[in-house]
Amino acid sequence: MISYYSTYQSTAKTDIQRLVEKLKALNSTKGEEWEKIMEYWDYVNTDMNVNVDGLPNDDSLCITVLGVALNDDGTMKDELVGRLQTALASAQKYPNAYVAVTGGGTAKNNPNATEADKMAA
């Protein structure tokens, strides 16, 4: 469900709600757990305020950008671009910080492309 949400975001909400309801019918405990997970995932991706004030302004700070599966052709998904935009804004605010990007080869039709290489470029 998280992968589906990552790919289709707000258009996936209805489908995810249906899946959660089906899961609740099969196993109420697991269904409720997944409902909470998906509500939190939605909050993190829409309303959560990320505060980067008051961090050390020296080279002890490292901004780490976690990868997201690439599109099949090896291009970056919008979620990954968004993470990079946030990292860039943070790096501009804290110019002495290191920036580390992570992620492996997840492009179905482009085995040479890695998340980290795409972000570094």
PDB file of N, CA and C in Angstrom:
ATOM      1  N   MET A   1       0.813  -1.184   0.000  1.00  0.00           N
ATOM      2  CA  MET A   1       0.000   0.000   0.000  1.00  0.00           C
ATOM      3  C   MET A   1       0.863   1.257   0.000  1.00  0.00           C
ATOM      4  N   ILE A   2       1.969   1.224   0.734  1.00  0.00           N
ATOM      5  CA  ILE A   2       2.841   2.394   0.774  1.00  0.00           C
ATOM      6  C   ILE A   2       3.456   2.644  -0.596  1.00  0.00           C
ATOM      7  N   SER A   3       3.887   1.593  -1.260  1.00  0.00           N
ATOM      8  CA  SER A   3       4.448   1.743  -2.596  1.00  0.00           C
ATOM      9  C   SER A   3       3.403   2.288  -3.561  1.00  0.00           C
ATOM     10  N   TYR A   4       2.197   1.786  -3.467  1.00  0.00           N
ATOM     11  CA  TYR A   4       1.103   2.262  -4.318  1.00  0.00           C
ATOM     12  C   TYR A   4       0.831   3.739  -4.035  1.00  0.00           C
ATOM     13  N   TYR A   5       0.808   4.101  -2.760  1.00  0.00           N
ATOM     14  CA  TYR A   5       0.598   5.505  -2.392  1.00  0.00           C
ATOM     15  C   TYR A   5       1.731   6.365  -2.945  1.00  0.00           C
ATOM     16  N   SER A   6       2.970   5.887  -2.821  1.00  0.00           N
ATOM     17  CA  SER A   6       4.116   6.658  -3.302  1.00  0.00           C
ATOM     18  C   SER A   6       4.016   6.933  -4.793  1.00  0.00           C
ATOM     19  N   THR A   7       3.507   5.969  -5.534  1.00  0.00           N
ATOM     20  CA  THR A   7       3.408   6.113  -6.980  1.00  0.00           C
ATOM     21  C   THR A   7       2.238   7.000  -7.388  1.00  0.00           C
ATOM     22  N   TYR A   8       1.080   6.808  -6.757  1.00  0.00           N
ATOM     23  CA  TYR A   8      -0.132   7.487  -7.212  1.00  0.00           C
ATOM     24  C   TYR A   8      -0.643   8.566  -6.254  1.00  0.00           C
ATOM     25  N   GLN A   9      -0.054   8.680  -5.082  1.00  0.00           N
ATOM     26  CA  GLN A   9      -0.353   9.661  -4.047  1.00  0.00           C
ATOM     27  C   GLN A   9      -1.847   9.896  -3.855  1.00  0.00           C
ATOM     28  N   SER A  10      -2.307  11.121  -4.007  1.00  0.00           N
ATOM     29  CA  SER A  10      -3.686  11.439  -3.618  1.00  0.00           C
ATOM     30  C   SER A  10      -4.723  10.656  -4.415  1.00  0.00           C
ATOM     31  N   THR A  11      -4.405  10.277  -5.653  1.00  0.00           N
ATOM     32  CA  THR A  11      -5.374   9.501  -6.428  1.00  0.00           C
ATOM     33  C   THR A  11      -5.505   8.079  -5.896  1.00  0.00           C
ATOM     34  N   ALA A  12      -4.585   7.646  -5.057  1.00  0.00           N
ATOM     35  CA  ALA A  12      -4.621   6.289  -4.511  1.00  0.00           C
ATOM     36  C   ALA A  12      -5.454   6.183  -3.240  1.00  0.00           C
ATOM     37  N   LYS A  13      -5.847   7.293  -2.666  1.00  0.00           N
ATOM     38  CA  LYS A  13      -6.534   7.270  -1.366  1.00  0.00           C
ATOM     39  C   LYS A  13      -7.778   6.385  -1.367  1.00  0.00           C
ATOM     40  N   THR A  14      -8.601   6.502  -2.378  1.00  0.00           N
ATOM     41  CA  THR A  14      -9.834   5.708  -2.429  1.00  0.00           C
ATOM     42  C   THR A  14      -9.522   4.217  -2.498  1.00  0.00           C
ATOM     43  N   ASP A  15      -8.574   3.849  -3.353  1.00  0.00           N
ATOM     44  CA  ASP A  15      -8.196   2.441  -3.466  1.00  0.00           C
ATOM     45  C   ASP A  15      -7.625   1.910  -2.154  1.00  0.00           C
ATOM     46  N   ILE A  16      -6.806   2.710  -1.496  1.00  0.00           N
ATOM     47  CA  ILE A  16      -6.207   2.285  -0.232  1.00  0.00           C
ATOM     48  C   ILE A  16      -7.277   2.136   0.838  1.00  0.00           C
ATOM     49  N   GLN A  17      -8.228   3.044   0.870  1.00  0.00           N
ATOM     50  CA  GLN A  17      -9.325   2.919   1.840  1.00  0.00           C
ATOM     51  C   GLN A  17     -10.103   1.631   1.619  1.00  0.00           C
ATOM     52  N   ARG A  18     -10.343   1.281   0.368  1.00  0.00           N
ATOM     53  CA  ARG A  18     -11.039   0.024   0.058  1.00  0.00           C
ATOM     54  C   ARG A  18     -10.228  -1.179   0.537  1.00  0.00           C
ATOM     55  N   LEU A  19      -8.919  -1.154   0.283  1.00  0.00           N
ATOM     56  CA  LEU A  19      -8.058  -2.258   0.719  1.00  0.00           C
ATOM     57  C   LEU A  19      -8.050  -2.393   2.239  1.00  0.00           C
ATOM     58  N   VAL A  20      -7.975  -1.277   2.928  1.00  0.00           N
ATOM     59  CA  VAL A  20      -7.982  -1.300   4.395  1.00  0.00           C
ATOM     60  C   VAL A  20      -9.297  -1.875   4.907  1.00  0.00           C
ATOM     61  N   GLU A  21     -10.405  -1.497   4.300  1.00  0.00           N
ATOM     62  CA  GLU A  21     -11.709  -2.029   4.717  1.00  0.00           C
ATOM     63  C   GLU A  21     -11.780  -3.540   4.486  1.00  0.00           C
ATOM     64  N   LYS A  22     -11.253  -4.016   3.363  1.00  0.00           N
ATOM     65  CA  LYS A  22     -11.222  -5.459   3.097  1.00  0.00           C
ATOM     66  C   LYS A  22     -10.346  -6.176   4.124  1.00  0.00           C
ATOM     67  N   LEU A  23      -9.199  -5.560   4.444  1.00  0.00           N
ATOM     68  CA  LEU A  23      -8.307  -6.157   5.432  1.00  0.00           C
ATOM     69  C   LEU A  23      -8.974  -6.189   6.801  1.00  0.00           C
ATOM     70  N   LYS A  24      -9.680  -5.145   7.160  1.00  0.00           N
ATOM     71  CA  LYS A  24     -10.408  -5.116   8.435  1.00  0.00           C
ATOM     72  C   LYS A  24     -11.425  -6.254   8.508  1.00  0.00           C
ATOM     73  N   ALA A  25     -12.082  -6.526   7.382  1.00  0.00           N
ATOM     74  CA  ALA A  25     -13.072  -7.604   7.360  1.00  0.00           C
ATOM     75  C   ALA A  25     -12.412  -8.967   7.571  1.00  0.00           C
ATOM     76  N   LEU A  26     -11.180  -9.111   7.095  1.00  0.00           N
ATOM     77  CA  LEU A  26     -10.454 -10.368   7.264  1.00  0.00           C
ATOM     78  C   LEU A  26      -9.771 -10.470   8.627  1.00  0.00           C
ATOM     79  N   ASN A  27      -9.211  -9.327   9.064  1.00  0.00           N
ATOM     80  CA  ASN A  27      -8.468  -9.310  10.330  1.00  0.00           C
ATOM     81  C   ASN A  27      -8.556  -7.879  10.869  1.00  0.00           C
ATOM     82  N   SER A  28      -9.438  -7.654  11.817  1.00  0.00           N
ATOM     83  CA  SER A  28      -9.698  -6.291  12.294  1.00  0.00           C
ATOM     84  C   SER A  28      -8.456  -5.636  12.887  1.00  0.00           C
ATOM     85  N   THR A  29      -7.645  -6.399  13.597  1.00  0.00           N
ATOM     86  CA  THR A  29      -6.439  -5.830  14.209  1.00  0.00           C
ATOM     87  C   THR A  29      -5.468  -5.339  13.144  1.00  0.00           C
ATOM     88  N   LYS A  30      -5.172  -6.190  12.166  1.00  0.00           N
ATOM     89  CA  LYS A  30      -4.255  -5.784  11.088  1.00  0.00           C
ATOM     90  C   LYS A  30      -4.838  -4.638  10.270  1.00  0.00           C
ATOM     91  N   GLY A  31      -6.140  -4.683  10.034  1.00  0.00           N
ATOM     92  CA  GLY A  31      -6.786  -3.607   9.281  1.00  0.00           C
ATOM     93  C   GLY A  31      -6.661  -2.271   9.979  1.00  0.00           C
ATOM     94  N   GLU A  32      -6.867  -2.268  11.287  1.00  0.00           N
ATOM     95  CA  GLU A  32      -6.744  -1.023  12.053  1.00  0.00           C
ATOM     96  C   GLU A  32      -5.297  -0.541  12.078  1.00  0.00           C
ATOM     97  N   GLU A  33      -4.346  -1.480  12.174  1.00  0.00           N
ATOM     98  CA  GLU A  33      -2.927  -1.098  12.155  1.00  0.00           C
ATOM     99  C   GLU A  33      -2.585  -0.424  10.821  1.00  0.00           C
ATOM    100  N   TRP A  34      -3.028  -1.036   9.724  1.00  0.00           N
ATOM    101  CA  TRP A  34      -2.728  -0.466   8.413  1.00  0.00           C
ATOM    102  C   TRP A  34      -3.454   0.847   8.191  1.00  0.00           C
ATOM    103  N   GLU A  35      -4.623   0.986   8.760  1.00  0.00           N
ATOM    104  CA  GLU A  35      -5.337   2.255   8.656  1.00  0.00           C
ATOM    105  C   GLU A  35      -4.527   3.367   9.315  1.00  0.00           C
ATOM    106  N   LYS A  36      -3.986   3.099  10.489  1.00  0.00           N
ATOM    107  CA  LYS A  36      -3.155   4.088  11.187  1.00  0.00           C
ATOM    108  C   LYS A  36      -1.877   4.384  10.407  1.00  0.00           C
ATOM    109  N   ILE A  37      -1.262   3.330   9.870  1.00  0.00           N
ATOM    110  CA  ILE A  37      -0.032   3.513   9.088  1.00  0.00           C
ATOM    111  C   ILE A  37      -0.299   4.433   7.897  1.00  0.00           C
ATOM    112  N   MET A  38      -1.368   4.154   7.169  1.00  0.00           N
ATOM    113  CA  MET A  38      -1.654   4.944   5.969  1.00  0.00           C
ATOM    114  C   MET A  38      -2.095   6.359   6.312  1.00  0.00           C
ATOM    115  N   GLU A  39      -2.805   6.541   7.425  1.00  0.00           N
ATOM    116  CA  GLU A  39      -3.162   7.901   7.857  1.00  0.00           C
ATOM    117  C   GLU A  39      -1.901   8.693   8.187  1.00  0.00           C
ATOM    118  N   TYR A  40      -0.948   8.050   8.871  1.00  0.00           N
ATOM    119  CA  TYR A  40       0.295   8.734   9.216  1.00  0.00           C
ATOM    120  C   TYR A  40       1.112   9.015   7.953  1.00  0.00           C
ATOM    121  N   TRP A  41       1.174   8.050   7.052  1.00  0.00           N
ATOM    122  CA  TRP A  41       1.922   8.230   5.796  1.00  0.00           C
ATOM    123  C   TRP A  41       1.351   9.418   5.023  1.00  0.00           C
ATOM    124  N   ASP A  42       0.032   9.526   4.986  1.00  0.00           N
ATOM    125  CA  ASP A  42      -0.608  10.654   4.307  1.00  0.00           C
ATOM    126  C   ASP A  42      -0.254  11.970   4.999  1.00  0.00           C
ATOM    127  N   TYR A  43      -0.284  11.986   6.321  1.00  0.00           N
ATOM    128  CA  TYR A  43       0.066  13.185   7.092  1.00  0.00           C
ATOM    129  C   TYR A  43       1.508  13.611   6.795  1.00  0.00           C
ATOM    130  N   VAL A  44       2.421  12.657   6.805  1.00  0.00           N
ATOM    131  CA  VAL A  44       3.832  12.965   6.565  1.00  0.00           C
ATOM    132  C   VAL A  44       4.017  13.565   5.174  1.00  0.00           C
ATOM    133  N   ASN A  45       3.263  13.073   4.210  1.00  0.00           N
ATOM    134  CA  ASN A  45       3.421  13.530   2.834  1.00  0.00           C
ATOM    135  C   ASN A  45       2.595  14.759   2.475  1.00  0.00           C
ATOM    136  N   THR A  46       1.761  15.238   3.398  1.00  0.00           N
ATOM    137  CA  THR A  46       0.927  16.397   3.070  1.00  0.00           C
ATOM    138  C   THR A  46       1.044  17.523   4.095  1.00  0.00           C
ATOM    139  N   ASP A  47       0.746  17.252   5.348  1.00  0.00           N
ATOM    140  CA  ASP A  47       0.596  18.316   6.341  1.00  0.00           C
ATOM    141  C   ASP A  47       1.752  18.477   7.326  1.00  0.00           C
ATOM    142  N   MET A  48       2.624  17.492   7.413  1.00  0.00           N
ATOM    143  CA  MET A  48       3.682  17.528   8.426  1.00  0.00           C
ATOM    144  C   MET A  48       4.644  18.683   8.159  1.00  0.00           C
ATOM    145  N   ASN A  49       4.894  19.480   9.181  1.00  0.00           N
ATOM    146  CA  ASN A  49       5.817  20.591   9.092  1.00  0.00           C
ATOM    147  C   ASN A  49       7.207  20.103   9.503  1.00  0.00           C
ATOM    148  N   VAL A  50       8.164  20.254   8.614  1.00  0.00           N
ATOM    149  CA  VAL A  50       9.536  19.848   8.910  1.00  0.00           C
ATOM    150  C   VAL A  50      10.304  21.095   9.340  1.00  0.00           C
ATOM    151  N   ASN A  51      10.806  21.073  10.560  1.00  0.00           N
ATOM    152  CA  ASN A  51      11.511  22.211  11.118  1.00  0.00           C
ATOM    153  C   ASN A  51      13.006  21.945  11.070  1.00  0.00           C
ATOM    154  N   VAL A  52      13.719  22.772  10.339  1.00  0.00           N
ATOM    155  CA  VAL A  52      15.171  22.616  10.264  1.00  0.00           C
ATOM    156  C   VAL A  52      15.885  23.833  10.854  1.00  0.00           C
ATOM    157  N   ASP A  53      15.253  24.504  11.794  1.00  0.00           N
ATOM    158  CA  ASP A  53      15.876  25.649  12.453  1.00  0.00           C
ATOM    159  C   ASP A  53      16.697  25.180  13.642  1.00  0.00           C
ATOM    160  N   GLY A  54      17.746  25.902  13.922  1.00  0.00           N
ATOM    161  CA  GLY A  54      18.534  25.663  15.121  1.00  0.00           C
ATOM    162  C   GLY A  54      19.534  24.530  15.022  1.00  0.00           C
ATOM    163  N   LEU A  55      19.798  24.042  13.839  1.00  0.00           N
ATOM    164  CA  LEU A  55      20.794  22.978  13.675  1.00  0.00           C
ATOM    165  C   LEU A  55      22.189  23.598  13.666  1.00  0.00           C
ATOM    166  N   PRO A  56      23.222  22.804  13.941  1.00  0.00           N
ATOM    167  CA  PRO A  56      24.575  23.363  13.935  1.00  0.00           C
ATOM    168  C   PRO A  56      24.959  23.866  12.547  1.00  0.00           C
ATOM    169  N   ASN A  57      25.586  25.026  12.500  1.00  0.00           N
ATOM    170  CA  ASN A  57      25.968  25.626  11.224  1.00  0.00           C
ATOM    171  C   ASN A  57      27.453  25.412  10.971  1.00  0.00           C
ATOM    172  N   ASP A  58      27.879  24.168  11.144  1.00  0.00           N
ATOM    173  CA  ASP A  58      29.275  23.820  10.881  1.00  0.00           C
ATOM    174  C   ASP A  58      29.304  22.483  10.138  1.00  0.00           C
ATOM    175  N   ASP A  59      30.501  21.920   9.981  1.00  0.00           N
ATOM    176  CA  ASP A  59      30.598  20.684   9.196  1.00  0.00           C
ATOM    177  C   ASP A  59      30.264  19.428  10.003  1.00  0.00           C
ATOM    178  N   SER A  60      29.625  19.587  11.160  1.00  0.00           N
ATOM    179  CA  SER A  60      29.180  18.418  11.921  1.00  0.00           C
ATOM    180  C   SER A  60      27.794  17.955  11.469  1.00  0.00           C
ATOM    181  N   LEU A  61      27.142  18.735  10.622  1.00  0.00           N
ATOM    182  CA  LEU A  61      25.802  18.413  10.159  1.00  0.00           C
ATOM    183  C   LEU A  61      25.874  17.666   8.828  1.00  0.00           C
ATOM    184  N   CYS A  62      25.098  16.599   8.723  1.00  0.00           N
ATOM    185  CA  CYS A  62      25.000  15.862   7.467  1.00  0.00           C
ATOM    186  C   CYS A  62      23.523  15.728   7.106  1.00  0.00           C
ATOM    187  N   ILE A  63      23.170  16.223   5.949  1.00  0.00           N
ATOM    188  CA  ILE A  63      21.803  16.111   5.436  1.00  0.00           C
ATOM    189  C   ILE A  63      21.761  14.831   4.606  1.00  0.00           C
ATOM    190  N   THR A  64      20.950  13.882   5.022  1.00  0.00           N
ATOM    191  CA  THR A  64      20.871  12.591   4.339  1.00  0.00           C
ATOM    192  C   THR A  64      19.548  12.495   3.590  1.00  0.00           C
ATOM    193  N   VAL A  65      19.643  12.169   2.312  1.00  0.00           N
ATOM    194  CA  VAL A  65      18.452  12.034   1.477  1.00  0.00           C
ATOM    195  C   VAL A  65      18.289  10.560   1.136  1.00  0.00           C
ATOM    196  N   LEU A  66      17.205   9.964   1.627  1.00  0.00           N
ATOM    197  CA  LEU A  66      16.931   8.564   1.351  1.00  0.00           C
ATOM    198  C   LEU A  66      16.302   8.423  -0.024  1.00  0.00           C
ATOM    199  N   GLY A  67      16.685   7.388  -0.724  1.00  0.00           N
ATOM    200  CA  GLY A  67      16.165   7.164  -2.064  1.00  0.00           C
ATOM    201  C   GLY A  67      14.725   6.686  -2.074  1.00  0.00           C
ATOM    202  N   VAL A  68      14.144   6.754  -3.247  1.00  0.00           N
ATOM    203  CA  VAL A  68      12.808   6.230  -3.541  1.00  0.00           C
ATOM    204  C   VAL A  68      12.949   5.499  -4.866  1.00  0.00           C
ATOM    205  N   ALA A  69      12.278   4.373  -5.002  1.00  0.00           N
ATOM    206  CA  ALA A  69      12.374   3.595  -6.238  1.00  0.00           C
ATOM    207  C   ALA A  69      12.219   4.491  -7.464  1.00  0.00           C
ATOM    208  N   LEU A  70      13.093   4.276  -8.430  1.00  0.00           N
ATOM    209  CA  LEU A  70      13.053   5.051  -9.670  1.00  0.00           C
ATOM    210  C   LEU A  70      11.920   4.568 -10.566  1.00  0.00           C
ATOM    211  N   ASN A  71      11.550   5.401 -11.514  1.00  0.00           N
ATOM    212  CA  ASN A  71      10.627   4.956 -12.554  1.00  0.00           C
ATOM    213  C   ASN A  71      11.305   3.848 -13.354  1.00  0.00           C
ATOM    214  N   ASP A  72      10.523   3.065 -14.071  1.00  0.00           N
ATOM    215  CA  ASP A  72      11.076   1.937 -14.828  1.00  0.00           C
ATOM    216  C   ASP A  72      12.190   2.342 -15.784  1.00  0.00           C
ATOM    217  N   ASP A  73      12.114   3.560 -16.335  1.00  0.00           N
ATOM    218  CA  ASP A  73      13.124   4.016 -17.294  1.00  0.00           C
ATOM    219  C   ASP A  73      14.362   4.622 -16.623  1.00  0.00           C
ATOM    220  N   GLY A  74      14.354   4.696 -15.293  1.00  0.00           N
ATOM    221  CA  GLY A  74      15.507   5.227 -14.574  1.00  0.00           C
ATOM    222  C   GLY A  74      15.396   6.684 -14.201  1.00  0.00           C
ATOM    223  N   THR A  75      14.300   7.333 -14.534  1.00  0.00           N
ATOM    224  CA  THR A  75      14.099   8.716 -14.122  1.00  0.00           C
ATOM    225  C   THR A  75      13.564   8.756 -12.690  1.00  0.00           C
ATOM    226  N   MET A  76      13.687   9.908 -12.059  1.00  0.00           N
ATOM    227  CA  MET A  76      13.262  10.050 -10.674  1.00  0.00           C
ATOM    228  C   MET A  76      11.767  10.315 -10.573  1.00  0.00           C
ATOM    229  N   LYS A  77      11.143   9.729  -9.568  1.00  0.00           N
ATOM    230  CA  LYS A  77       9.738   9.997  -9.278  1.00  0.00           C
ATOM    231  C   LYS A  77       9.621  11.363  -8.611  1.00  0.00           C
ATOM    232  N   ASP A  78       8.424  11.932  -8.665  1.00  0.00           N
ATOM    233  CA  ASP A  78       8.189  13.249  -8.075  1.00  0.00           C
ATOM    234  C   ASP A  78       8.538  13.265  -6.589  1.00  0.00           C
ATOM    235  N   GLU A  79       8.279  12.178  -5.881  1.00  0.00           N
ATOM    236  CA  GLU A  79       8.593  12.123  -4.454  1.00  0.00           C
ATOM    237  C   GLU A  79      10.094  12.294  -4.219  1.00  0.00           C
ATOM    238  N   LEU A  80      10.903  11.675  -5.064  1.00  0.00           N
ATOM    239  CA  LEU A  80      12.353  11.792  -4.918  1.00  0.00           C
ATOM    240  C   LEU A  80      12.816  13.206  -5.254  1.00  0.00           C
ATOM    241  N   VAL A  81      12.243  13.796  -6.282  1.00  0.00           N
ATOM    242  CA  VAL A  81      12.574  15.183  -6.629  1.00  0.00           C
ATOM    243  C   VAL A  81      12.207  16.102  -5.461  1.00  0.00           C
ATOM    244  N   GLY A  82      11.056  15.854  -4.839  1.00  0.00           N
ATOM    245  CA  GLY A  82      10.644  16.646  -3.684  1.00  0.00           C
ATOM    246  C   GLY A  82      11.630  16.532  -2.528  1.00  0.00           C
ATOM    247  N   ARG A  83      12.128  15.335  -2.299  1.00  0.00           N
ATOM    248  CA  ARG A  83      13.127  15.156  -1.240  1.00  0.00           C
ATOM    249  C   ARG A  83      14.383  15.952  -1.554  1.00  0.00           C
ATOM    250  N   LEU A  84      14.775  15.942  -2.816  1.00  0.00           N
ATOM    251  CA  LEU A  84      15.966  16.707  -3.213  1.00  0.00           C
ATOM    252  C   LEU A  84      15.746  18.207  -3.059  1.00  0.00           C
ATOM    253  N   GLN A  85      14.556  18.678  -3.376  1.00  0.00           N
ATOM    254  CA  GLN A  85      14.255  20.102  -3.209  1.00  0.00           C
ATOM    255  C   GLN A  85      14.331  20.498  -1.739  1.00  0.00           C
ATOM    256  N   THR A  86      13.834  19.649  -0.860  1.00  0.00           N
ATOM    257  CA  THR A  86      13.917  19.911   0.579  1.00  0.00           C
ATOM    258  C   THR A  86      15.372  19.902   1.034  1.00  0.00           C
ATOM    259  N   ALA A  87      16.144  18.930   0.539  1.00  0.00           N
ATOM    260  CA  ALA A  87      17.563  18.862   0.894  1.00  0.00           C
ATOM    261  C   ALA A  87      18.319  20.083   0.389  1.00  0.00           C
ATOM    262  N   LEU A  88      18.000  20.533  -0.820  1.00  0.00           N
ATOM    263  CA  LEU A  88      18.657  21.725  -1.367  1.00  0.00           C
ATOM    264  C   LEU A  88      18.356  22.952  -0.518  1.00  0.00           C
ATOM    265  N   ALA A  89      17.103  23.114  -0.135  1.00  0.00           N
ATOM    266  CA  ALA A  89      16.745  24.257   0.716  1.00  0.00           C
ATOM    267  C   ALA A  89      17.489  24.178   2.052  1.00  0.00           C
ATOM    268  N   SER A  90      17.617  22.982   2.596  1.00  0.00           N
ATOM    269  CA  SER A  90      18.348  22.802   3.865  1.00  0.00           C
ATOM    270  C   SER A  90      19.832  23.081   3.674  1.00  0.00           C
ATOM    271  N   ALA A  91      20.397  22.605   2.563  1.00  0.00           N
ATOM    272  CA  ALA A  91      21.823  22.831   2.295  1.00  0.00           C
ATOM    273  C   ALA A  91      22.113  24.310   2.071  1.00  0.00           C
ATOM    274  N   GLN A  92      21.175  25.030   1.474  1.00  0.00           N
ATOM    275  CA  GLN A  92      21.365  26.469   1.290  1.00  0.00           C
ATOM    276  C   GLN A  92      21.307  27.192   2.629  1.00  0.00           C
ATOM    277  N   LYS A  93      20.470  26.701   3.529  1.00  0.00           N
ATOM    278  CA  LYS A  93      20.367  27.299   4.856  1.00  0.00           C
ATOM    279  C   LYS A  93      21.587  26.953   5.715  1.00  0.00           C
ATOM    280  N   TYR A  94      22.124  25.762   5.507  1.00  0.00           N
ATOM    281  CA  TYR A  94      23.281  25.272   6.264  1.00  0.00           C
ATOM    282  C   TYR A  94      24.390  24.901   5.278  1.00  0.00           C
ATOM    283  N   PRO A  95      25.083  25.898   4.707  1.00  0.00           N
ATOM    284  CA  PRO A  95      26.042  25.644   3.626  1.00  0.00           C
ATOM    285  C   PRO A  95      27.274  24.834   4.032  1.00  0.00           C
ATOM    286  N   ASN A  96      27.551  24.704   5.319  1.00  0.00           N
ATOM    287  CA  ASN A  96      28.708  23.919   5.743  1.00  0.00           C
ATOM    288  C   ASN A  96      28.375  22.450   5.956  1.00  0.00           C
ATOM    289  N   ALA A  97      27.126  22.103   5.797  1.00  0.00           N
ATOM    290  CA  ALA A  97      26.698  20.717   6.012  1.00  0.00           C
ATOM    291  C   ALA A  97      27.129  19.832   4.848  1.00  0.00           C
ATOM    292  N   TYR A  98      27.355  18.580   5.160  1.00  0.00           N
ATOM    293  CA  TYR A  98      27.559  17.572   4.133  1.00  0.00           C
ATOM    294  C   TYR A  98      26.189  17.117   3.648  1.00  0.00           C
ATOM    295  N   VAL A  99      26.128  16.654   2.423  1.00  0.00           N
ATOM    296  CA  VAL A  99      24.893  16.081   1.891  1.00  0.00           C
ATOM    297  C   VAL A  99      25.215  14.674   1.411  1.00  0.00           C
ATOM    298  N   ALA A 100      24.472  13.702   1.916  1.00  0.00           N
ATOM    299  CA  ALA A 100      24.642  12.303   1.502  1.00  0.00           C
ATOM    300  C   ALA A 100      23.345  11.833   0.858  1.00  0.00           C
ATOM    301  N   VAL A 101      23.469  11.226  -0.322  1.00  0.00           N
ATOM    302  CA  VAL A 101      22.302  10.674  -0.996  1.00  0.00           C
ATOM    303  C   VAL A 101      22.456   9.156  -1.046  1.00  0.00           C
ATOM    304  N   THR A 102      21.338   8.459  -0.903  1.00  0.00           N
ATOM    305  CA  THR A 102      21.397   7.006  -0.834  1.00  0.00           C
ATOM    306  C   THR A 102      20.382   6.374  -1.768  1.00  0.00           C
ATOM    307  N   GLY A 103      20.634   5.158  -2.145  1.00  0.00           N
ATOM    308  CA  GLY A 103      19.663   4.398  -2.923  1.00  0.00           C
ATOM    309  C   GLY A 103      20.327   3.602  -4.019  1.00  0.00           C
ATOM    310  N   GLY A 104      19.767   2.446  -4.274  1.00  0.00           N
ATOM    311  CA  GLY A 104      20.342   1.521  -5.240  1.00  0.00           C
ATOM    312  C   GLY A 104      19.632   1.527  -6.576  1.00  0.00           C
ATOM    313  N   GLY A 105      19.894   0.477  -7.326  1.00  0.00           N
ATOM    314  CA  GLY A 105      19.326   0.321  -8.652  1.00  0.00           C
ATOM    315  C   GLY A 105      17.935  -0.274  -8.591  1.00  0.00           C
ATOM    316  N   THR A 106      16.926   0.523  -8.872  1.00  0.00           N
ATOM    317  CA  THR A 106      15.544   0.062  -8.781  1.00  0.00           C
ATOM    318  C   THR A 106      14.772   0.262 -10.074  1.00  0.00           C
ATOM    319  N   ALA A 107      15.450   0.684 -11.132  1.00  0.00           N
ATOM    320  CA  ALA A 107      14.770   0.934 -12.406  1.00  0.00           C
ATOM    321  C   ALA A 107      14.655  -0.372 -13.189  1.00  0.00           C
ATOM    322  N   LYS A 108      13.440  -0.803 -13.408  1.00  0.00           N
ATOM    323  CA  LYS A 108      13.163  -2.083 -14.065  1.00  0.00           C
ATOM    324  C   LYS A 108      13.836  -2.189 -15.433  1.00  0.00           C
ATOM    325  N   ASN A 109      13.776  -1.127 -16.211  1.00  0.00           N
ATOM    326  CA  ASN A 109      14.294  -1.172 -17.586  1.00  0.00           C
ATOM    327  C   ASN A 109      15.635  -0.470 -17.753  1.00  0.00           C
ATOM    328  N   ASN A 110      16.264  -0.082 -16.662  1.00  0.00           N
ATOM    329  CA  ASN A 110      17.552   0.604 -16.724  1.00  0.00           C
ATOM    330  C   ASN A 110      18.404   0.157 -15.539  1.00  0.00           C
ATOM    331  N   PRO A 111      19.001  -1.036 -15.624  1.00  0.00           N
ATOM    332  CA  PRO A 111      19.721  -1.597 -14.478  1.00  0.00           C
ATOM    333  C   PRO A 111      20.960  -0.819 -14.053  1.00  0.00           C
ATOM    334  N   ASN A 112      21.447   0.082 -14.894  1.00  0.00           N
ATOM    335  CA  ASN A 112      22.633   0.861 -14.545  1.00  0.00           C
ATOM    336  C   ASN A 112      22.311   2.114 -13.747  1.00  0.00           C
ATOM    337  N   ALA A 113      21.052   2.510 -13.690  1.00  0.00           N
ATOM    338  CA  ALA A 113      20.653   3.713 -12.979  1.00  0.00           C
ATOM    339  C   ALA A 113      20.469   3.401 -11.498  1.00  0.00           C
ATOM    340  N   THR A 114      21.042   4.233 -10.649  1.00  0.00           N
ATOM    341  CA  THR A 114      20.801   4.100  -9.203  1.00  0.00           C
ATOM    342  C   THR A 114      20.191   5.384  -8.675  1.00  0.00           C
ATOM    343  N   GLU A 115      19.445   5.257  -7.610  1.00  0.00           N
ATOM    344  CA  GLU A 115      18.811   6.412  -6.986  1.00  0.00           C
ATOM    345  C   GLU A 115      19.871   7.424  -6.586  1.00  0.00           C
ATOM    346  N   ALA A 116      20.951   6.955  -5.959  1.00  0.00           N
ATOM    347  CA  ALA A 116      22.006   7.857  -5.487  1.00  0.00           C
ATOM    348  C   ALA A 116      22.678   8.596  -6.649  1.00  0.00           C
ATOM    349  N   ASP A 117      22.974   7.892  -7.731  1.00  0.00           N
ATOM    350  CA  ASP A 117      23.593   8.547  -8.888  1.00  0.00           C
ATOM    351  C   ASP A 117      22.684   9.606  -9.482  1.00  0.00           C
ATOM    352  N   LYS A 118      21.399   9.294  -9.610  1.00  0.00           N
ATOM    353  CA  LYS A 118      20.454  10.259 -10.172  1.00  0.00           C
ATOM    354  C   LYS A 118      20.365  11.503  -9.289  1.00  0.00           C
ATOM    355  N   MET A 119      20.321  11.287  -7.969  1.00  0.00           N
ATOM    356  CA  MET A 119      20.241  12.432  -7.061  1.00  0.00           C
ATOM    357  C   MET A 119      21.520  13.245  -7.095  1.00  0.00           C
ATOM    358  N   ALA A 120      22.665  12.573  -7.113  1.00  0.00           N
ATOM    359  CA  ALA A 120      23.945  13.288  -7.140  1.00  0.00           C
ATOM    360  C   ALA A 120      24.064  14.161  -8.390  1.00  0.00           C
ATOM    361  N   ALA A 121      23.559  13.648  -9.503  1.00  0.00           N
ATOM    362  CA  ALA A 121      23.613  14.424 -10.756  1.00  0.00           C
ATOM    363  C   ALA A 121      22.737  15.661 -10.638  1.00  0.00           C
TER     364      ALA A 121
END
